[in-house]
């Protein structure tokens, strides 16, 4: 008697569409906020997130661990932000309000937040990304490591260096 082969249904385009749509409904705003903090411009942030979701949809059938789709999206957003910042020939941050007020504008509009954002933009991108993912989005070290494609030790190091650099930027003494 021949052993039975396990038959797995092939995910259809409709399955990918439904799953990606559900992920979008649940996480798009969070990802736009992440991108906004990284690039400082709402339109660019929205474009980066849209590109990440399109990329996920296109690659859905090749995604090895579909349970990690949110991690894939976060990584894709960070990579998109890095690319957007590299393409710019001018400073990525601006203090002018967006043309249409938004919830993010309310958050970024307060002076104390602007001061923190100014300091964050002066950090190396890996330190900035680590601190934003940890303290703004409350991700664990393991989630940050997975999102950034680095080890937990690198996350710890980036966080410590980033906090120390922010302390220096705000005039706090070491020790």
N, C-alpha and C. Protein backbone atom coordinates (compact mmCIF):
# COMPACT_ATOMS: atom_id res chain seq x y z
N UNK A 1 0.84 -1.18 0.00
CA UNK A 1 0.00 0.00 0.00
C UNK A 1 0.88 1.24 0.00
N UNK A 2 0.59 2.16 -0.92
CA UNK A 2 1.37 3.39 -1.04
C UNK A 2 0.99 4.38 0.05
N UNK A 3 1.99 5.11 0.59
CA UNK A 3 1.65 6.11 1.60
C UNK A 3 0.85 7.24 0.97
N UNK A 4 -0.09 7.74 1.75
CA UNK A 4 -0.91 8.85 1.23
C UNK A 4 -0.10 10.13 1.20
N UNK A 5 -0.24 10.86 0.15
CA UNK A 5 0.41 12.16 0.05
C UNK A 5 -0.49 13.22 0.65
N UNK A 6 0.14 14.10 1.37
CA UNK A 6 -0.63 15.20 1.95
C UNK A 6 -0.94 16.19 0.84
N UNK A 7 -2.20 16.49 0.67
CA UNK A 7 -2.61 17.43 -0.37
C UNK A 7 -2.92 18.76 0.29
N UNK A 8 -2.17 19.74 -0.08
CA UNK A 8 -2.39 21.09 0.46
C UNK A 8 -3.03 21.95 -0.62
N UNK A 9 -4.04 22.68 -0.25
CA UNK A 9 -4.64 23.56 -1.25
C UNK A 9 -3.67 24.67 -1.64
N UNK A 10 -3.63 24.97 -2.89
CA UNK A 10 -2.79 26.06 -3.39
C UNK A 10 -3.53 27.37 -3.11
N UNK A 11 -2.85 28.31 -2.45
CA UNK A 11 -3.56 29.55 -2.15
C UNK A 11 -3.95 30.26 -3.44
N UNK A 12 -5.16 30.68 -3.48
CA UNK A 12 -5.63 31.37 -4.67
C UNK A 12 -5.35 32.85 -4.56
N UNK A 13 -5.50 33.52 -5.68
CA UNK A 13 -5.33 34.96 -5.70
C UNK A 13 -6.31 35.62 -4.73
N UNK A 14 -7.49 35.05 -4.62
CA UNK A 14 -8.50 35.59 -3.72
C UNK A 14 -8.03 35.47 -2.26
N UNK A 15 -7.37 34.35 -1.89
CA UNK A 15 -6.84 34.19 -0.53
C UNK A 15 -5.80 35.27 -0.24
N UNK A 16 -4.91 35.49 -1.16
CA UNK A 16 -3.88 36.51 -0.98
C UNK A 16 -4.53 37.88 -0.85
N UNK A 17 -5.49 38.16 -1.71
CA UNK A 17 -6.15 39.46 -1.67
C UNK A 17 -6.86 39.67 -0.33
N UNK A 18 -7.57 38.64 0.13
CA UNK A 18 -8.29 38.76 1.39
C UNK A 18 -7.36 38.94 2.58
N UNK A 19 -6.27 38.19 2.60
CA UNK A 19 -5.33 38.28 3.71
C UNK A 19 -4.61 39.62 3.71
N UNK A 20 -4.15 40.04 2.56
CA UNK A 20 -3.44 41.32 2.48
C UNK A 20 -4.40 42.47 2.80
N UNK A 21 -5.63 42.37 2.36
CA UNK A 21 -6.63 43.39 2.67
C UNK A 21 -6.87 43.46 4.18
N UNK A 22 -6.97 42.30 4.83
CA UNK A 22 -7.16 42.27 6.28
C UNK A 22 -5.94 42.87 7.00
N UNK A 23 -4.75 42.55 6.54
CA UNK A 23 -3.54 43.13 7.12
C UNK A 23 -3.53 44.65 6.95
N UNK A 24 -3.96 45.09 5.78
CA UNK A 24 -4.01 46.53 5.52
C UNK A 24 -4.97 47.21 6.49
N UNK A 25 -6.15 46.64 6.66
CA UNK A 25 -7.16 47.23 7.55
C UNK A 25 -6.63 47.29 8.98
N UNK A 26 -5.91 46.28 9.39
CA UNK A 26 -5.44 46.21 10.78
C UNK A 26 -4.17 47.01 11.04
N UNK A 27 -3.30 47.19 10.04
CA UNK A 27 -1.96 47.71 10.32
C UNK A 27 -1.49 48.88 9.46
N UNK A 28 -2.27 49.30 8.49
CA UNK A 28 -1.80 50.36 7.59
C UNK A 28 -1.50 51.66 8.33
N UNK A 29 -2.37 52.08 9.23
CA UNK A 29 -2.15 53.33 9.94
C UNK A 29 -0.88 53.28 10.78
N UNK A 30 -0.68 52.16 11.47
CA UNK A 30 0.53 51.98 12.27
C UNK A 30 1.78 52.07 11.38
N UNK A 31 1.72 51.46 10.22
CA UNK A 31 2.87 51.46 9.31
C UNK A 31 3.10 52.84 8.70
N UNK A 32 2.02 53.57 8.42
CA UNK A 32 2.18 54.94 7.93
C UNK A 32 2.83 55.81 9.01
N UNK A 33 2.43 55.62 10.24
CA UNK A 33 3.06 56.37 11.34
C UNK A 33 4.54 56.05 11.45
N UNK A 34 4.88 54.77 11.32
CA UNK A 34 6.29 54.37 11.34
C UNK A 34 7.04 55.08 10.22
N UNK A 35 6.51 55.02 9.02
CA UNK A 35 7.17 55.66 7.88
C UNK A 35 7.24 57.18 8.06
N UNK A 36 6.19 57.77 8.61
CA UNK A 36 6.17 59.21 8.82
C UNK A 36 7.26 59.65 9.78
N UNK A 37 7.45 58.89 10.85
CA UNK A 37 8.51 59.21 11.79
C UNK A 37 9.87 59.09 11.11
N UNK A 38 10.01 58.11 10.22
CA UNK A 38 11.30 57.89 9.57
C UNK A 38 11.60 58.91 8.47
N UNK A 39 10.60 59.27 7.66
CA UNK A 39 10.87 60.14 6.52
C UNK A 39 10.40 61.58 6.72
N UNK A 40 9.48 61.80 7.67
CA UNK A 40 9.07 63.16 7.99
C UNK A 40 8.11 63.81 7.01
N UNK A 41 7.54 63.07 6.11
CA UNK A 41 6.65 63.64 5.11
C UNK A 41 5.51 62.65 4.85
N UNK A 42 4.27 63.10 5.07
CA UNK A 42 3.12 62.20 5.00
C UNK A 42 2.97 61.55 3.63
N UNK A 43 3.08 62.30 2.57
CA UNK A 43 2.88 61.73 1.24
C UNK A 43 3.89 60.62 0.95
N UNK A 44 5.14 60.86 1.29
CA UNK A 44 6.17 59.85 1.07
C UNK A 44 5.90 58.63 1.95
N UNK A 45 5.50 58.86 3.19
CA UNK A 45 5.20 57.76 4.11
C UNK A 45 4.07 56.89 3.55
N UNK A 46 3.03 57.52 3.07
CA UNK A 46 1.91 56.77 2.50
C UNK A 46 2.34 55.98 1.27
N UNK A 47 3.18 56.57 0.43
CA UNK A 47 3.67 55.87 -0.76
C UNK A 47 4.50 54.65 -0.37
N UNK A 48 5.36 54.82 0.63
CA UNK A 48 6.22 53.72 1.09
C UNK A 48 5.36 52.55 1.58
N UNK A 49 4.33 52.86 2.37
CA UNK A 49 3.47 51.81 2.91
C UNK A 49 2.67 51.14 1.79
N UNK A 50 2.17 51.93 0.87
CA UNK A 50 1.44 51.36 -0.27
C UNK A 50 2.34 50.41 -1.05
N UNK A 51 3.57 50.82 -1.30
CA UNK A 51 4.51 49.96 -2.02
C UNK A 51 4.78 48.67 -1.25
N UNK A 52 4.85 48.74 0.08
CA UNK A 52 5.09 47.55 0.90
C UNK A 52 3.93 46.56 0.76
N UNK A 53 2.70 47.06 0.81
CA UNK A 53 1.55 46.18 0.67
C UNK A 53 1.46 45.59 -0.75
N UNK A 54 1.77 46.37 -1.75
CA UNK A 54 1.77 45.86 -3.12
C UNK A 54 2.83 44.77 -3.25
N UNK A 55 4.01 45.01 -2.67
CA UNK A 55 5.07 44.01 -2.71
C UNK A 55 4.67 42.72 -2.02
N UNK A 56 4.00 42.84 -0.87
CA UNK A 56 3.54 41.65 -0.16
C UNK A 56 2.54 40.87 -1.01
N UNK A 57 1.61 41.56 -1.62
CA UNK A 57 0.60 40.91 -2.45
C UNK A 57 1.26 40.18 -3.62
N UNK A 58 2.20 40.86 -4.27
CA UNK A 58 2.87 40.25 -5.44
C UNK A 58 3.69 39.03 -5.06
N UNK A 59 4.25 39.04 -3.86
CA UNK A 59 5.14 37.95 -3.44
C UNK A 59 4.44 36.93 -2.54
N UNK A 60 3.13 37.06 -2.36
CA UNK A 60 2.41 36.22 -1.41
C UNK A 60 2.66 34.74 -1.61
N UNK A 61 2.60 34.26 -2.83
CA UNK A 61 2.78 32.83 -3.08
C UNK A 61 4.19 32.36 -2.75
N UNK A 62 5.16 33.24 -2.77
CA UNK A 62 6.53 32.87 -2.45
C UNK A 62 6.91 33.11 -1.00
N UNK A 63 6.00 33.65 -0.21
CA UNK A 63 6.28 33.94 1.19
C UNK A 63 6.36 32.64 1.97
N UNK A 64 7.50 32.38 2.58
CA UNK A 64 7.71 31.11 3.29
C UNK A 64 6.90 31.01 4.57
N UNK A 65 6.92 32.07 5.36
CA UNK A 65 6.22 32.04 6.64
C UNK A 65 5.14 33.13 6.63
N UNK A 66 3.97 32.76 6.22
CA UNK A 66 2.89 33.73 6.07
C UNK A 66 2.47 34.33 7.41
N UNK A 67 2.73 33.62 8.48
CA UNK A 67 2.44 34.15 9.80
C UNK A 67 3.32 35.34 10.17
N UNK A 68 4.37 35.54 9.40
CA UNK A 68 5.28 36.66 9.65
C UNK A 68 5.08 37.76 8.62
N UNK A 69 3.91 37.83 8.04
CA UNK A 69 3.64 38.85 7.02
C UNK A 69 3.78 40.26 7.58
N UNK A 70 3.38 40.48 8.83
CA UNK A 70 3.51 41.82 9.43
C UNK A 70 4.98 42.19 9.58
N UNK A 71 5.80 41.23 9.97
CA UNK A 71 7.25 41.48 10.06
C UNK A 71 7.80 41.83 8.68
N UNK A 72 7.36 41.10 7.66
CA UNK A 72 7.77 41.41 6.29
C UNK A 72 7.38 42.85 5.93
N UNK A 73 6.15 43.23 6.27
CA UNK A 73 5.68 44.59 5.96
C UNK A 73 6.52 45.64 6.69
N UNK A 74 6.79 45.44 7.97
CA UNK A 74 7.61 46.40 8.72
C UNK A 74 8.99 46.54 8.08
N UNK A 75 9.59 45.40 7.74
CA UNK A 75 10.92 45.44 7.10
C UNK A 75 10.85 46.17 5.77
N UNK A 76 9.82 45.88 5.02
CA UNK A 76 9.65 46.53 3.72
C UNK A 76 9.46 48.03 3.87
N UNK A 77 8.70 48.44 4.89
CA UNK A 77 8.51 49.87 5.14
C UNK A 77 9.84 50.53 5.51
N UNK A 78 10.60 49.91 6.40
CA UNK A 78 11.90 50.49 6.76
C UNK A 78 12.82 50.58 5.56
N UNK A 79 12.86 49.54 4.74
CA UNK A 79 13.70 49.57 3.53
C UNK A 79 13.21 50.66 2.57
N UNK A 80 11.90 50.79 2.42
CA UNK A 80 11.36 51.84 1.57
C UNK A 80 11.70 53.23 2.08
N UNK A 81 11.68 53.39 3.40
CA UNK A 81 12.06 54.69 3.99
C UNK A 81 13.53 54.99 3.72
N UNK A 82 14.37 53.98 3.89
CA UNK A 82 15.81 54.19 3.61
C UNK A 82 16.01 54.61 2.15
N UNK A 83 15.31 53.94 1.24
CA UNK A 83 15.43 54.28 -0.18
C UNK A 83 14.94 55.69 -0.45
N UNK A 84 13.82 56.06 0.15
CA UNK A 84 13.28 57.41 -0.05
C UNK A 84 14.25 58.46 0.48
N UNK A 85 14.86 58.19 1.62
CA UNK A 85 15.81 59.15 2.19
C UNK A 85 17.08 59.25 1.34
N UNK A 86 17.51 58.13 0.78
CA UNK A 86 18.70 58.16 -0.09
C UNK A 86 18.43 58.96 -1.36
N UNK A 87 17.20 58.89 -1.86
CA UNK A 87 16.86 59.59 -3.09
C UNK A 87 16.80 61.10 -2.90
N UNK A 88 16.58 61.51 -1.69
CA UNK A 88 16.46 62.96 -1.43
C UNK A 88 17.84 63.61 -1.41
N UNK A 89 17.87 64.79 -1.95
CA UNK A 89 19.13 65.54 -1.92
C UNK A 89 19.09 66.63 -0.86
N UNK A 90 18.00 66.72 -0.16
CA UNK A 90 17.84 67.72 0.88
C UNK A 90 17.44 67.02 2.17
N UNK A 91 17.42 67.77 3.26
CA UNK A 91 17.08 67.17 4.55
C UNK A 91 15.69 66.56 4.52
N UNK A 92 15.54 65.34 5.08
CA UNK A 92 14.27 64.66 5.00
C UNK A 92 13.22 65.18 5.97
N UNK A 93 13.61 66.00 6.90
CA UNK A 93 12.68 66.47 7.91
C UNK A 93 12.29 67.91 7.65
N UNK A 94 11.09 68.22 7.96
CA UNK A 94 10.60 69.57 7.79
C UNK A 94 9.69 69.91 8.94
N UNK A 95 9.67 71.15 9.34
CA UNK A 95 8.83 71.57 10.44
C UNK A 95 7.54 72.21 9.95
N UNK A 96 7.39 72.31 8.62
CA UNK A 96 6.15 72.91 8.12
C UNK A 96 5.03 71.88 8.22
N UNK A 97 3.84 72.33 8.58
CA UNK A 97 2.73 71.39 8.69
C UNK A 97 2.29 70.90 7.32
N UNK A 98 1.68 69.71 7.26
CA UNK A 98 1.18 69.23 5.98
C UNK A 98 0.03 70.09 5.49
N UNK A 99 -0.23 70.05 4.19
CA UNK A 99 -1.28 70.87 3.60
C UNK A 99 -2.66 70.54 4.19
N UNK A 100 -2.89 69.27 4.46
CA UNK A 100 -4.16 68.85 5.05
C UNK A 100 -3.86 68.30 6.44
N UNK A 101 -4.41 68.92 7.49
CA UNK A 101 -4.13 68.42 8.84
C UNK A 101 -4.56 66.96 8.99
N UNK A 102 -3.79 66.21 9.75
CA UNK A 102 -4.07 64.80 9.97
C UNK A 102 -3.83 64.47 11.43
N UNK A 103 -4.14 63.26 11.81
CA UNK A 103 -3.87 62.82 13.18
C UNK A 103 -2.37 62.87 13.45
N UNK A 104 -1.58 62.50 12.46
CA UNK A 104 -0.12 62.56 12.62
C UNK A 104 0.34 64.00 12.83
N UNK A 105 -0.29 64.93 12.13
CA UNK A 105 0.07 66.33 12.28
C UNK A 105 -0.16 66.79 13.72
N UNK A 106 -1.27 66.36 14.31
CA UNK A 106 -1.55 66.72 15.70
C UNK A 106 -0.45 66.20 16.60
N UNK A 107 -0.02 64.96 16.36
CA UNK A 107 1.04 64.35 17.15
C UNK A 107 2.35 65.10 16.95
N UNK A 108 2.69 65.35 15.70
CA UNK A 108 3.97 65.98 15.39
C UNK A 108 3.96 67.48 15.63
N UNK A 109 2.77 68.06 15.76
CA UNK A 109 2.66 69.50 15.87
C UNK A 109 3.09 70.06 17.20
N UNK A 110 3.05 69.27 18.24
CA UNK A 110 3.43 69.78 19.55
C UNK A 110 4.93 69.99 19.60
N UNK A 111 5.35 71.07 20.21
CA UNK A 111 6.76 71.45 20.21
C UNK A 111 7.66 70.40 20.84
N UNK A 112 7.23 69.78 21.93
CA UNK A 112 8.09 68.78 22.56
C UNK A 112 8.33 67.60 21.64
N UNK A 113 7.33 67.22 20.87
CA UNK A 113 7.51 66.13 19.92
C UNK A 113 8.42 66.56 18.77
N UNK A 114 8.27 67.80 18.35
CA UNK A 114 9.16 68.29 17.28
C UNK A 114 10.61 68.26 17.72
N UNK A 115 10.83 68.61 18.98
CA UNK A 115 12.19 68.61 19.51
C UNK A 115 12.78 67.18 19.50
N UNK A 116 11.97 66.22 19.91
CA UNK A 116 12.41 64.83 19.91
C UNK A 116 12.67 64.37 18.47
N UNK A 117 11.79 64.73 17.55
CA UNK A 117 11.98 64.33 16.15
C UNK A 117 13.24 64.96 15.57
N UNK A 118 13.52 66.20 15.92
CA UNK A 118 14.76 66.84 15.45
C UNK A 118 15.97 66.07 15.95
N UNK A 119 15.92 65.66 17.22
CA UNK A 119 17.04 64.89 17.78
C UNK A 119 17.13 63.52 17.11
N UNK A 120 15.99 62.86 16.91
CA UNK A 120 16.00 61.55 16.27
C UNK A 120 16.61 61.60 14.87
N UNK A 121 16.31 62.66 14.13
CA UNK A 121 16.82 62.71 12.76
C UNK A 121 18.33 62.86 12.71
N UNK A 122 18.92 63.23 13.83
CA UNK A 122 20.38 63.38 13.88
C UNK A 122 21.08 62.06 14.20
N UNK A 123 20.32 61.06 14.57
CA UNK A 123 20.90 59.75 14.87
C UNK A 123 21.17 58.98 13.58
N UNK A 124 22.16 58.07 13.62
CA UNK A 124 22.32 57.16 12.49
C UNK A 124 21.03 56.36 12.28
N UNK A 125 20.71 56.02 11.04
CA UNK A 125 19.41 55.43 10.74
C UNK A 125 19.11 54.17 11.53
N UNK A 126 20.09 53.31 11.77
CA UNK A 126 19.83 52.07 12.52
C UNK A 126 19.46 52.36 13.98
N UNK A 127 20.13 53.34 14.58
CA UNK A 127 19.77 53.72 15.95
C UNK A 127 18.37 54.33 15.98
N UNK A 128 18.09 55.18 15.01
CA UNK A 128 16.76 55.82 14.94
C UNK A 128 15.68 54.76 14.75
N UNK A 129 15.88 53.84 13.82
CA UNK A 129 14.89 52.79 13.57
C UNK A 129 14.66 51.95 14.83
N UNK A 130 15.74 51.58 15.50
CA UNK A 130 15.63 50.76 16.70
C UNK A 130 14.82 51.47 17.77
N UNK A 131 15.13 52.74 18.02
CA UNK A 131 14.42 53.48 19.06
C UNK A 131 12.96 53.70 18.71
N UNK A 132 12.68 53.98 17.45
CA UNK A 132 11.28 54.19 17.04
C UNK A 132 10.49 52.89 17.18
N UNK A 133 11.05 51.78 16.73
CA UNK A 133 10.34 50.51 16.84
C UNK A 133 10.14 50.10 18.30
N UNK A 134 11.11 50.42 19.15
CA UNK A 134 11.01 50.03 20.56
C UNK A 134 10.07 50.94 21.34
N UNK A 135 10.27 52.24 21.24
CA UNK A 135 9.57 53.16 22.12
C UNK A 135 8.31 53.78 21.53
N UNK A 136 8.21 53.83 20.24
CA UNK A 136 6.99 54.36 19.63
C UNK A 136 6.02 53.21 19.33
N UNK A 137 6.55 52.10 18.82
CA UNK A 137 5.69 50.99 18.42
C UNK A 137 5.73 49.82 19.40
N UNK A 138 6.51 49.95 20.48
CA UNK A 138 6.51 49.00 21.59
C UNK A 138 6.79 47.56 21.14
N UNK A 139 7.70 47.41 20.18
CA UNK A 139 8.09 46.06 19.74
C UNK A 139 9.14 45.51 20.70
N UNK A 140 9.16 44.20 20.83
CA UNK A 140 10.18 43.54 21.66
C UNK A 140 11.51 43.54 20.91
N UNK A 141 12.59 43.22 21.64
CA UNK A 141 13.90 43.13 20.99
C UNK A 141 13.87 42.09 19.88
N UNK A 142 13.21 40.98 20.14
CA UNK A 142 13.12 39.92 19.13
C UNK A 142 12.38 40.39 17.88
N UNK A 143 11.26 41.11 18.06
CA UNK A 143 10.50 41.61 16.92
C UNK A 143 11.30 42.64 16.14
N UNK A 144 12.03 43.49 16.85
CA UNK A 144 12.86 44.50 16.19
C UNK A 144 13.96 43.82 15.39
N UNK A 145 14.61 42.84 16.00
CA UNK A 145 15.69 42.12 15.31
C UNK A 145 15.17 41.47 14.03
N UNK A 146 14.01 40.86 14.12
CA UNK A 146 13.42 40.21 12.95
C UNK A 146 13.05 41.24 11.89
N UNK A 147 12.47 42.34 12.31
CA UNK A 147 12.06 43.39 11.37
C UNK A 147 13.25 43.99 10.66
N UNK A 148 14.32 44.25 11.41
CA UNK A 148 15.49 44.91 10.84
C UNK A 148 16.48 43.93 10.21
N UNK A 149 16.29 42.64 10.43
CA UNK A 149 17.19 41.65 9.87
C UNK A 149 18.55 41.65 10.55
N UNK A 150 18.54 41.87 11.88
CA UNK A 150 19.78 41.89 12.66
C UNK A 150 19.61 40.98 13.88
N UNK A 151 20.66 40.83 14.67
CA UNK A 151 20.58 40.02 15.88
C UNK A 151 20.02 40.84 17.04
N UNK A 152 19.59 40.13 18.09
CA UNK A 152 19.11 40.82 19.29
C UNK A 152 20.22 41.64 19.91
N UNK A 153 21.45 41.14 19.84
CA UNK A 153 22.59 41.89 20.37
C UNK A 153 22.77 43.21 19.65
N UNK A 154 22.56 43.21 18.34
CA UNK A 154 22.66 44.45 17.57
C UNK A 154 21.55 45.41 17.97
N UNK A 155 20.36 44.88 18.22
CA UNK A 155 19.24 45.72 18.68
C UNK A 155 19.60 46.37 20.01
N UNK A 156 20.12 45.57 20.94
CA UNK A 156 20.50 46.11 22.25
C UNK A 156 21.57 47.19 22.11
N UNK A 157 22.56 46.92 21.28
CA UNK A 157 23.64 47.87 21.06
C UNK A 157 23.12 49.17 20.43
N UNK A 158 22.30 49.03 19.38
CA UNK A 158 21.73 50.22 18.72
C UNK A 158 20.87 51.03 19.69
N UNK A 159 20.09 50.34 20.52
CA UNK A 159 19.23 51.04 21.47
C UNK A 159 20.07 51.79 22.50
N UNK A 160 21.10 51.13 23.03
CA UNK A 160 21.95 51.78 24.03
C UNK A 160 22.68 52.99 23.43
N UNK A 161 23.24 52.81 22.24
CA UNK A 161 23.94 53.92 21.59
C UNK A 161 22.97 55.04 21.24
N UNK A 162 21.79 54.68 20.76
CA UNK A 162 20.79 55.69 20.41
C UNK A 162 20.34 56.49 21.62
N UNK A 163 20.07 55.80 22.74
CA UNK A 163 19.68 56.50 23.98
C UNK A 163 20.80 57.41 24.46
N UNK A 164 22.04 56.92 24.40
CA UNK A 164 23.18 57.74 24.82
C UNK A 164 23.33 58.97 23.93
N UNK A 165 23.19 58.77 22.63
CA UNK A 165 23.30 59.90 21.70
C UNK A 165 22.17 60.91 21.92
N UNK A 166 20.95 60.42 22.15
CA UNK A 166 19.85 61.34 22.45
C UNK A 166 20.12 62.11 23.74
N UNK A 167 20.64 61.42 24.74
CA UNK A 167 20.99 62.08 26.00
C UNK A 167 21.98 63.20 25.76
N UNK A 168 22.99 62.93 24.94
CA UNK A 168 23.99 63.98 24.64
C UNK A 168 23.34 65.13 23.87
N UNK A 169 22.46 64.81 22.94
CA UNK A 169 21.80 65.86 22.16
C UNK A 169 20.92 66.73 23.04
N UNK A 170 20.37 66.15 24.10
CA UNK A 170 19.53 66.92 25.03
C UNK A 170 20.35 67.47 26.19
N UNK A 171 21.67 67.32 26.12
CA UNK A 171 22.54 67.93 27.13
C UNK A 171 22.61 67.20 28.45
N UNK A 172 22.23 65.92 28.48
CA UNK A 172 22.32 65.15 29.70
C UNK A 172 23.73 64.63 29.85
N UNK A 173 24.18 64.54 31.08
CA UNK A 173 25.53 64.04 31.37
C UNK A 173 25.52 62.52 31.36
N UNK A 174 26.64 61.91 30.91
CA UNK A 174 26.78 60.45 31.01
C UNK A 174 27.01 60.06 32.45
N UNK A 175 26.59 58.81 32.77
CA UNK A 175 26.90 58.26 34.08
C UNK A 175 25.81 58.50 35.00
